[in-house]
Amino acid sequence: SENSTNNSTTANQDAKNIYIKHGLRPGHRYAISLVASNAIGESARGQELEILTEPDKPTEPLSLTVSTRTSTSFRMEWLPPEETGGLPVTYRLSCRQKNLDADQEWK
C-alpha cells in the first residue's frame, strides 16, 4: 500500500516500510531519526543518520541592472540566486553586439 502527501510518500513493500521525503534543498545536510509508536506510546528515538543531498544547478541571478554606462564600457550589478544548488556559484557574462537598423539609436 502507498500513501502520498505534498512532500513525502510512504509505502509498505515486502515487510519493509518505505518513506520518501520530497522538497529537500540540493547540497544540504539533513539529520534523520525515527520513532515507532502504537496506542500505548512511543519507542525511544532510533539511530540518527546524516545525509547530504546531491547538488544541483543554481537558480538564475536576480535584479540584473546596468548602473553605469560610458561610450566604451558598462557596469552591471545583480543579486545572487535564491538557491545555489549546494555549491559555490560563479558567473559567466555573455555580451554580444546587437545589430541596429540605420535609423535606430542607442537609448
N, C-alpha and C. Protein backbone atom coordinates (compact mmCIF):
# COMPACT_ATOMS: atom_id res chain seq x y z
N SER A 1 0.84 -1.19 0.00
CA SER A 1 0.00 0.00 0.00
C SER A 1 0.88 1.24 0.00
N GLU A 2 0.34 2.35 -0.51
CA GLU A 2 1.11 3.59 -0.62
C GLU A 2 0.25 4.76 -0.20
N ASN A 3 0.87 5.73 0.47
CA ASN A 3 0.19 6.93 0.92
C ASN A 3 1.05 8.12 0.56
N SER A 4 0.49 9.13 -0.14
CA SER A 4 1.27 10.29 -0.57
C SER A 4 0.71 11.57 0.02
N THR A 5 1.62 12.48 0.38
CA THR A 5 1.25 13.84 0.74
C THR A 5 2.09 14.76 -0.14
N ASN A 6 2.03 16.08 0.07
CA ASN A 6 2.76 17.02 -0.77
C ASN A 6 4.25 16.76 -0.84
N ASN A 7 4.88 16.45 0.30
CA ASN A 7 6.33 16.34 0.33
C ASN A 7 6.86 14.97 0.73
N SER A 8 6.01 13.95 0.77
CA SER A 8 6.51 12.65 1.17
C SER A 8 5.64 11.53 0.61
N THR A 9 6.20 10.35 0.57
CA THR A 9 5.49 9.15 0.15
C THR A 9 5.86 8.03 1.11
N THR A 10 4.87 7.31 1.62
CA THR A 10 5.14 6.13 2.46
C THR A 10 4.56 4.91 1.77
N ALA A 11 5.22 3.80 1.93
CA ALA A 11 4.75 2.56 1.32
C ALA A 11 5.23 1.39 2.14
N ASN A 12 4.57 0.24 1.97
CA ASN A 12 4.98 -0.99 2.62
C ASN A 12 5.16 -2.02 1.53
N GLN A 13 6.41 -2.46 1.33
CA GLN A 13 6.73 -3.44 0.29
C GLN A 13 7.55 -4.55 0.91
N ASP A 14 7.11 -5.79 0.75
CA ASP A 14 7.86 -6.94 1.24
C ASP A 14 8.27 -6.79 2.70
N ALA A 15 7.34 -6.37 3.56
CA ALA A 15 7.55 -6.20 5.00
C ALA A 15 8.51 -5.07 5.34
N LYS A 16 8.97 -4.31 4.39
CA LYS A 16 9.80 -3.13 4.66
C LYS A 16 8.91 -1.89 4.58
N ASN A 17 9.12 -0.99 5.51
CA ASN A 17 8.44 0.30 5.44
C ASN A 17 9.33 1.25 4.67
N ILE A 18 8.74 1.99 3.77
CA ILE A 18 9.50 2.91 2.91
C ILE A 18 8.91 4.30 3.07
N TYR A 19 9.77 5.28 3.20
CA TYR A 19 9.35 6.68 3.31
C TYR A 19 10.23 7.50 2.38
N ILE A 20 9.63 8.27 1.52
CA ILE A 20 10.38 9.14 0.60
C ILE A 20 10.02 10.58 0.92
N LYS A 21 11.00 11.37 1.29
CA LYS A 21 10.80 12.78 1.61
C LYS A 21 11.18 13.61 0.40
N HIS A 22 10.27 14.42 -0.06
CA HIS A 22 10.49 15.31 -1.20
C HIS A 22 10.66 16.74 -0.71
N GLY A 23 11.12 17.61 -1.56
CA GLY A 23 11.19 19.03 -1.24
C GLY A 23 12.44 19.44 -0.46
N LEU A 24 13.46 18.58 -0.41
CA LEU A 24 14.70 18.93 0.27
C LEU A 24 15.53 19.85 -0.62
N ARG A 25 16.45 20.59 -0.02
CA ARG A 25 17.31 21.50 -0.78
C ARG A 25 18.56 20.78 -1.27
N PRO A 26 18.95 21.03 -2.52
CA PRO A 26 20.15 20.38 -3.07
C PRO A 26 21.41 20.76 -2.31
N GLY A 27 22.30 19.78 -2.10
CA GLY A 27 23.59 20.03 -1.48
C GLY A 27 23.53 20.42 -0.02
N HIS A 28 22.48 20.01 0.69
CA HIS A 28 22.35 20.34 2.11
C HIS A 28 22.36 19.07 2.95
N ARG A 29 22.81 19.20 4.21
CA ARG A 29 22.85 18.09 5.16
C ARG A 29 21.55 18.04 5.96
N TYR A 30 21.09 16.83 6.19
CA TYR A 30 19.90 16.60 7.00
C TYR A 30 20.18 15.49 8.01
N ALA A 31 19.63 15.63 9.20
CA ALA A 31 19.70 14.60 10.24
C ALA A 31 18.35 13.90 10.26
N ILE A 32 18.37 12.56 10.25
CA ILE A 32 17.15 11.78 10.16
C ILE A 32 17.12 10.79 11.33
N SER A 33 15.98 10.70 11.99
CA SER A 33 15.80 9.68 13.02
C SER A 33 14.35 9.21 12.96
N LEU A 34 14.07 8.11 13.64
CA LEU A 34 12.76 7.50 13.54
C LEU A 34 12.29 7.04 14.91
N VAL A 35 11.00 7.21 15.19
CA VAL A 35 10.35 6.74 16.41
C VAL A 35 9.18 5.87 15.99
N ALA A 36 9.03 4.70 16.63
CA ALA A 36 7.86 3.84 16.39
C ALA A 36 6.82 4.16 17.47
N SER A 37 5.55 4.08 17.10
CA SER A 37 4.51 4.34 18.10
C SER A 37 3.32 3.41 17.88
N ASN A 38 2.59 3.20 18.95
CA ASN A 38 1.32 2.48 18.89
C ASN A 38 0.37 3.11 19.90
N ALA A 39 -0.74 2.45 20.19
CA ALA A 39 -1.74 3.02 21.09
C ALA A 39 -1.22 3.23 22.51
N ILE A 40 -0.17 2.50 22.91
CA ILE A 40 0.38 2.60 24.26
C ILE A 40 1.38 3.76 24.38
N GLY A 41 2.12 4.03 23.33
CA GLY A 41 3.11 5.10 23.41
C GLY A 41 4.16 5.02 22.32
N GLU A 42 5.26 5.70 22.57
CA GLU A 42 6.34 5.79 21.58
C GLU A 42 7.60 5.07 22.05
N SER A 43 8.35 4.57 21.10
CA SER A 43 9.65 3.95 21.39
C SER A 43 10.68 5.04 21.64
N ALA A 44 11.87 4.60 22.03
CA ALA A 44 12.99 5.53 22.08
C ALA A 44 13.33 5.93 20.64
N ARG A 45 13.96 7.06 20.49
CA ARG A 45 14.37 7.51 19.16
C ARG A 45 15.46 6.58 18.64
N GLY A 46 15.32 6.17 17.39
CA GLY A 46 16.30 5.28 16.78
C GLY A 46 17.58 6.03 16.43
N GLN A 47 18.51 5.30 15.87
CA GLN A 47 19.80 5.87 15.47
C GLN A 47 19.58 7.06 14.53
N GLU A 48 20.34 8.12 14.75
CA GLU A 48 20.26 9.29 13.88
C GLU A 48 21.22 9.11 12.72
N LEU A 49 20.73 9.30 11.51
CA LEU A 49 21.55 9.24 10.31
C LEU A 49 21.70 10.64 9.74
N GLU A 50 22.84 10.89 9.13
CA GLU A 50 23.05 12.17 8.46
C GLU A 50 23.19 11.91 6.97
N ILE A 51 22.45 12.68 6.18
CA ILE A 51 22.57 12.54 4.73
C ILE A 51 22.94 13.88 4.12
N LEU A 52 23.54 13.84 2.97
CA LEU A 52 23.86 15.03 2.18
C LEU A 52 23.19 14.84 0.84
N THR A 53 22.25 15.72 0.51
CA THR A 53 21.57 15.60 -0.78
C THR A 53 22.52 15.96 -1.91
N GLU A 54 22.25 15.44 -3.08
CA GLU A 54 23.07 15.72 -4.26
C GLU A 54 22.95 17.21 -4.63
N PRO A 55 24.05 17.81 -5.10
CA PRO A 55 23.96 19.21 -5.55
C PRO A 55 23.18 19.31 -6.86
N ASP A 56 22.77 20.52 -7.20
CA ASP A 56 22.01 20.78 -8.42
C ASP A 56 22.47 22.11 -8.98
N LYS A 57 21.98 22.47 -10.16
CA LYS A 57 22.35 23.76 -10.74
C LYS A 57 21.66 24.89 -9.95
N PRO A 58 22.24 26.08 -9.93
CA PRO A 58 21.63 27.20 -9.21
C PRO A 58 20.44 27.76 -9.96
N THR A 59 19.62 28.53 -9.25
CA THR A 59 18.58 29.30 -9.93
C THR A 59 19.24 30.53 -10.55
N GLU A 60 18.49 31.29 -11.33
CA GLU A 60 19.07 32.42 -12.06
C GLU A 60 19.44 33.58 -11.12
N PRO A 61 20.47 34.37 -11.50
CA PRO A 61 20.80 35.58 -10.74
C PRO A 61 19.60 36.53 -10.76
N LEU A 62 19.51 37.38 -9.75
CA LEU A 62 18.35 38.26 -9.58
C LEU A 62 18.73 39.73 -9.75
N SER A 63 17.75 40.53 -10.09
CA SER A 63 17.84 42.00 -10.13
C SER A 63 19.01 42.51 -10.96
N LEU A 64 19.17 42.00 -12.16
CA LEU A 64 20.24 42.44 -13.06
C LEU A 64 19.96 43.87 -13.52
N THR A 65 20.92 44.75 -13.30
CA THR A 65 20.80 46.14 -13.75
C THR A 65 22.13 46.63 -14.28
N VAL A 66 22.08 47.61 -15.17
CA VAL A 66 23.27 48.32 -15.63
C VAL A 66 23.26 49.64 -14.88
N SER A 67 24.27 49.85 -14.04
CA SER A 67 24.28 51.03 -13.18
C SER A 67 25.07 52.19 -13.79
N THR A 68 26.04 51.91 -14.63
CA THR A 68 26.86 52.96 -15.26
C THR A 68 27.14 52.55 -16.68
N ARG A 69 27.08 53.51 -17.59
CA ARG A 69 27.38 53.22 -18.98
C ARG A 69 28.16 54.39 -19.57
N THR A 70 29.26 54.11 -20.27
CA THR A 70 30.03 55.12 -20.99
C THR A 70 30.02 54.75 -22.47
N SER A 71 30.77 55.47 -23.27
CA SER A 71 30.83 55.15 -24.70
C SER A 71 31.58 53.85 -24.97
N THR A 72 32.37 53.36 -23.99
CA THR A 72 33.16 52.14 -24.21
C THR A 72 33.02 51.09 -23.12
N SER A 73 32.14 51.31 -22.14
CA SER A 73 32.03 50.33 -21.04
C SER A 73 30.68 50.42 -20.37
N PHE A 74 30.42 49.43 -19.54
CA PHE A 74 29.24 49.47 -18.68
C PHE A 74 29.54 48.73 -17.39
N ARG A 75 28.77 49.00 -16.36
CA ARG A 75 28.90 48.33 -15.07
C ARG A 75 27.56 47.65 -14.77
N MET A 76 27.63 46.34 -14.47
CA MET A 76 26.43 45.58 -14.13
C MET A 76 26.42 45.24 -12.65
N GLU A 77 25.24 45.15 -12.11
CA GLU A 77 25.07 44.72 -10.73
C GLU A 77 23.93 43.71 -10.68
N TRP A 78 24.02 42.73 -9.75
CA TRP A 78 22.97 41.74 -9.58
C TRP A 78 23.05 41.15 -8.19
N LEU A 79 22.00 40.47 -7.83
CA LEU A 79 21.94 39.74 -6.57
C LEU A 79 22.18 38.26 -6.86
N PRO A 80 22.72 37.53 -5.90
CA PRO A 80 22.96 36.10 -6.11
C PRO A 80 21.64 35.34 -6.25
N PRO A 81 21.70 34.13 -6.80
CA PRO A 81 20.48 33.33 -6.93
C PRO A 81 19.90 32.95 -5.58
N GLU A 82 18.59 32.72 -5.55
CA GLU A 82 17.95 32.29 -4.30
C GLU A 82 18.48 30.93 -3.86
N GLU A 83 18.73 30.04 -4.80
CA GLU A 83 19.25 28.70 -4.50
C GLU A 83 20.59 28.51 -5.21
N THR A 84 21.61 28.15 -4.45
CA THR A 84 22.93 27.92 -5.04
C THR A 84 23.09 26.51 -5.57
N GLY A 85 22.16 25.63 -5.25
CA GLY A 85 22.29 24.23 -5.63
C GLY A 85 23.23 23.47 -4.70
N GLY A 86 23.66 24.13 -3.62
CA GLY A 86 24.53 23.48 -2.65
C GLY A 86 26.01 23.58 -2.96
N LEU A 87 26.37 24.34 -3.98
CA LEU A 87 27.78 24.52 -4.36
C LEU A 87 28.09 26.00 -4.51
N PRO A 88 29.40 26.37 -4.45
CA PRO A 88 29.75 27.77 -4.71
C PRO A 88 29.32 28.17 -6.13
N VAL A 89 28.88 29.40 -6.28
CA VAL A 89 28.38 29.88 -7.56
C VAL A 89 29.41 30.80 -8.20
N THR A 90 29.66 30.60 -9.47
CA THR A 90 30.47 31.52 -10.27
C THR A 90 29.57 32.08 -11.36
N TYR A 91 30.01 33.12 -12.02
CA TYR A 91 29.19 33.77 -13.03
C TYR A 91 29.94 33.88 -14.34
N ARG A 92 29.22 33.79 -15.45
CA ARG A 92 29.79 33.99 -16.78
C ARG A 92 28.91 34.99 -17.50
N LEU A 93 29.50 36.11 -17.88
CA LEU A 93 28.78 37.17 -18.58
C LEU A 93 28.80 36.91 -20.07
N SER A 94 27.67 37.04 -20.69
CA SER A 94 27.58 36.95 -22.14
C SER A 94 27.26 38.35 -22.66
N CYS A 95 28.07 38.82 -23.58
CA CYS A 95 27.87 40.16 -24.13
C CYS A 95 28.05 40.07 -25.64
N ARG A 96 27.02 40.43 -26.39
CA ARG A 96 27.13 40.42 -27.84
C ARG A 96 26.54 41.70 -28.39
N GLN A 97 27.07 42.13 -29.49
CA GLN A 97 26.56 43.34 -30.14
C GLN A 97 25.30 43.00 -30.89
N LYS A 98 24.27 43.81 -30.69
CA LYS A 98 23.03 43.61 -31.42
C LYS A 98 23.06 44.52 -32.64
N ASN A 99 22.64 44.00 -33.76
CA ASN A 99 22.60 44.81 -34.99
C ASN A 99 21.44 45.79 -34.92
N LEU A 100 21.75 47.03 -35.23
CA LEU A 100 20.74 48.07 -35.22
C LEU A 100 20.43 48.50 -36.64
N ASP A 101 19.18 48.81 -36.91
CA ASP A 101 18.85 49.38 -38.21
C ASP A 101 19.51 50.76 -38.32
N ALA A 102 19.72 51.22 -39.52
CA ALA A 102 20.41 52.50 -39.76
C ALA A 102 19.71 53.68 -39.08
N ASP A 103 18.39 53.64 -38.95
CA ASP A 103 17.69 54.77 -38.35
C ASP A 103 17.43 54.59 -36.86
N GLN A 104 17.96 53.53 -36.24
CA GLN A 104 17.81 53.34 -34.78
C GLN A 104 19.01 53.93 -34.05
N GLU A 105 18.79 54.34 -32.83
CA GLU A 105 19.87 54.86 -31.98
C GLU A 105 19.86 54.09 -30.67
N TRP A 106 21.02 54.12 -29.98
CA TRP A 106 21.10 53.58 -28.63
C TRP A 106 20.29 54.49 -27.72
N LYS A 107 19.52 53.91 -26.86
CA LYS A 107 18.76 54.71 -25.90
C LYS A 107 19.04 54.22 -24.51
